[in-house]
Amino acid sequence: MKVAEIRQIASRYSPEEIEHCIAEQLQRGQNICIRGRPAQEIINELAKAEFVRELMERQGLSLAEALRELARRMRTVQALAKED
């Protein structure tokens, strides 16, 4: 996870704008939010940034709190995957 990039995107774009970047990446293979990396990596980072931004807007979390929540949830999912 590239925290600095997620932080930058979540700060700069609204959830709707990030969703548009995801759609553009899927449809055209490029977007204005992130460039110059493999498509799967771009979509993963955009999805994380969108999640963080939504936490900020809907739950009133600070950027730092939203990033911590993303990391906590990712660790939970990884732990569950290791159990299988």
Protein backbone atom coordinates (compact mmCIF):
# COMPACT_ATOMS: atom_id res chain seq x y z
CA MET A 1 0.00 0.00 0.00
CA LYS A 2 1.40 3.37 -1.00
CA VAL A 3 0.15 5.50 1.88
CA ALA A 4 1.52 8.78 0.54
CA GLU A 5 -0.28 8.30 -2.76
CA ILE A 6 -3.53 7.26 -1.09
CA ARG A 7 -3.26 10.29 1.19
CA GLN A 8 -2.70 12.61 -1.76
CA ILE A 9 -5.59 11.24 -3.82
CA ALA A 10 -8.01 11.18 -0.88
CA SER A 11 -7.11 14.78 -0.10
CA ARG A 12 -7.39 16.02 -3.66
CA TYR A 13 -10.45 14.22 -5.08
CA SER A 14 -14.02 13.54 -3.96
CA PRO A 15 -15.32 9.95 -3.83
CA GLU A 16 -17.25 10.62 -7.05
CA GLU A 17 -14.12 11.88 -8.81
CA ILE A 18 -12.14 8.86 -7.66
CA GLU A 19 -14.93 6.56 -8.87
CA HIS A 20 -14.76 8.34 -12.24
CA CYS A 21 -11.00 7.70 -12.35
CA ILE A 22 -11.62 4.00 -11.66
CA ALA A 23 -14.21 3.85 -14.45
CA GLU A 24 -11.87 5.65 -16.87
CA GLN A 25 -9.04 3.26 -16.00
CA LEU A 26 -11.28 0.26 -16.65
CA GLN A 27 -12.76 1.63 -19.87
CA ARG A 28 -9.86 3.52 -21.47
CA GLY A 29 -6.81 2.22 -19.65
CA GLN A 30 -5.90 5.63 -18.22
CA ASN A 31 -7.16 8.26 -15.78
CA ILE A 32 -6.19 11.62 -14.32
CA CYS A 33 -5.66 10.45 -10.73
CA ILE A 34 -2.75 7.98 -11.12
CA ARG A 35 -0.58 7.21 -14.12
CA GLY A 36 2.41 5.20 -15.13
CA ARG A 37 1.77 1.91 -13.34
CA PRO A 38 0.05 -1.39 -14.13
CA ALA A 39 -3.75 -1.11 -14.33
CA GLN A 40 -4.41 -3.50 -11.44
CA GLU A 41 -2.12 -1.52 -9.13
CA ILE A 42 -3.79 1.76 -10.14
CA ILE A 43 -7.29 0.40 -9.51
CA ASN A 44 -6.24 -1.00 -6.12
CA GLU A 45 -4.81 2.34 -4.99
CA LEU A 46 -7.82 4.28 -6.28
CA ALA A 47 -10.22 1.95 -4.47
CA LYS A 48 -8.31 2.43 -1.22
CA ALA A 49 -8.28 6.21 -1.66
CA GLU A 50 -12.01 6.20 -2.37
CA PHE A 51 -12.66 4.21 0.81
CA VAL A 52 -10.55 6.66 2.85
CA ARG A 53 -12.28 9.69 1.37
CA GLU A 54 -15.73 8.21 2.03
CA LEU A 55 -14.81 7.60 5.68
CA MET A 56 -13.74 11.22 5.92
CA GLU A 57 -16.94 12.56 4.40
CA ARG A 58 -19.52 10.16 5.83
CA GLN A 59 -18.11 9.50 9.29
CA GLY A 60 -16.22 12.74 9.82
CA LEU A 61 -12.89 11.00 10.36
CA SER A 62 -9.66 12.88 9.84
CA LEU A 63 -7.39 11.74 7.03
CA ALA A 64 -5.06 10.04 9.53
CA GLU A 65 -7.96 8.25 11.26
CA ALA A 66 -9.38 7.08 7.92
CA LEU A 67 -5.98 5.73 6.84
CA ARG A 68 -5.65 3.85 10.15
CA GLU A 69 -9.12 2.35 9.64
CA LEU A 70 -8.17 1.23 6.13
CA ALA A 71 -5.00 -0.41 7.47
CA ARG A 72 -6.93 -2.08 10.30
CA ARG A 73 -9.47 -3.55 7.87
CA MET A 74 -6.76 -4.71 5.50
CA ARG A 75 -4.99 -6.52 8.36
CA THR A 76 -8.29 -8.18 9.33
CA VAL A 77 -8.87 -9.43 5.80
CA GLN A 78 -5.30 -10.69 5.52
CA ALA A 79 -5.61 -12.54 8.83
CA LEU A 80 -8.84 -14.18 7.69
CA ALA A 81 -7.23 -15.19 4.39
CA LYS A 82 -4.35 -16.86 6.26
CA GLU A 83 -6.82 -18.92 8.27
CA ASP A 84 -8.22 -20.54 5.11
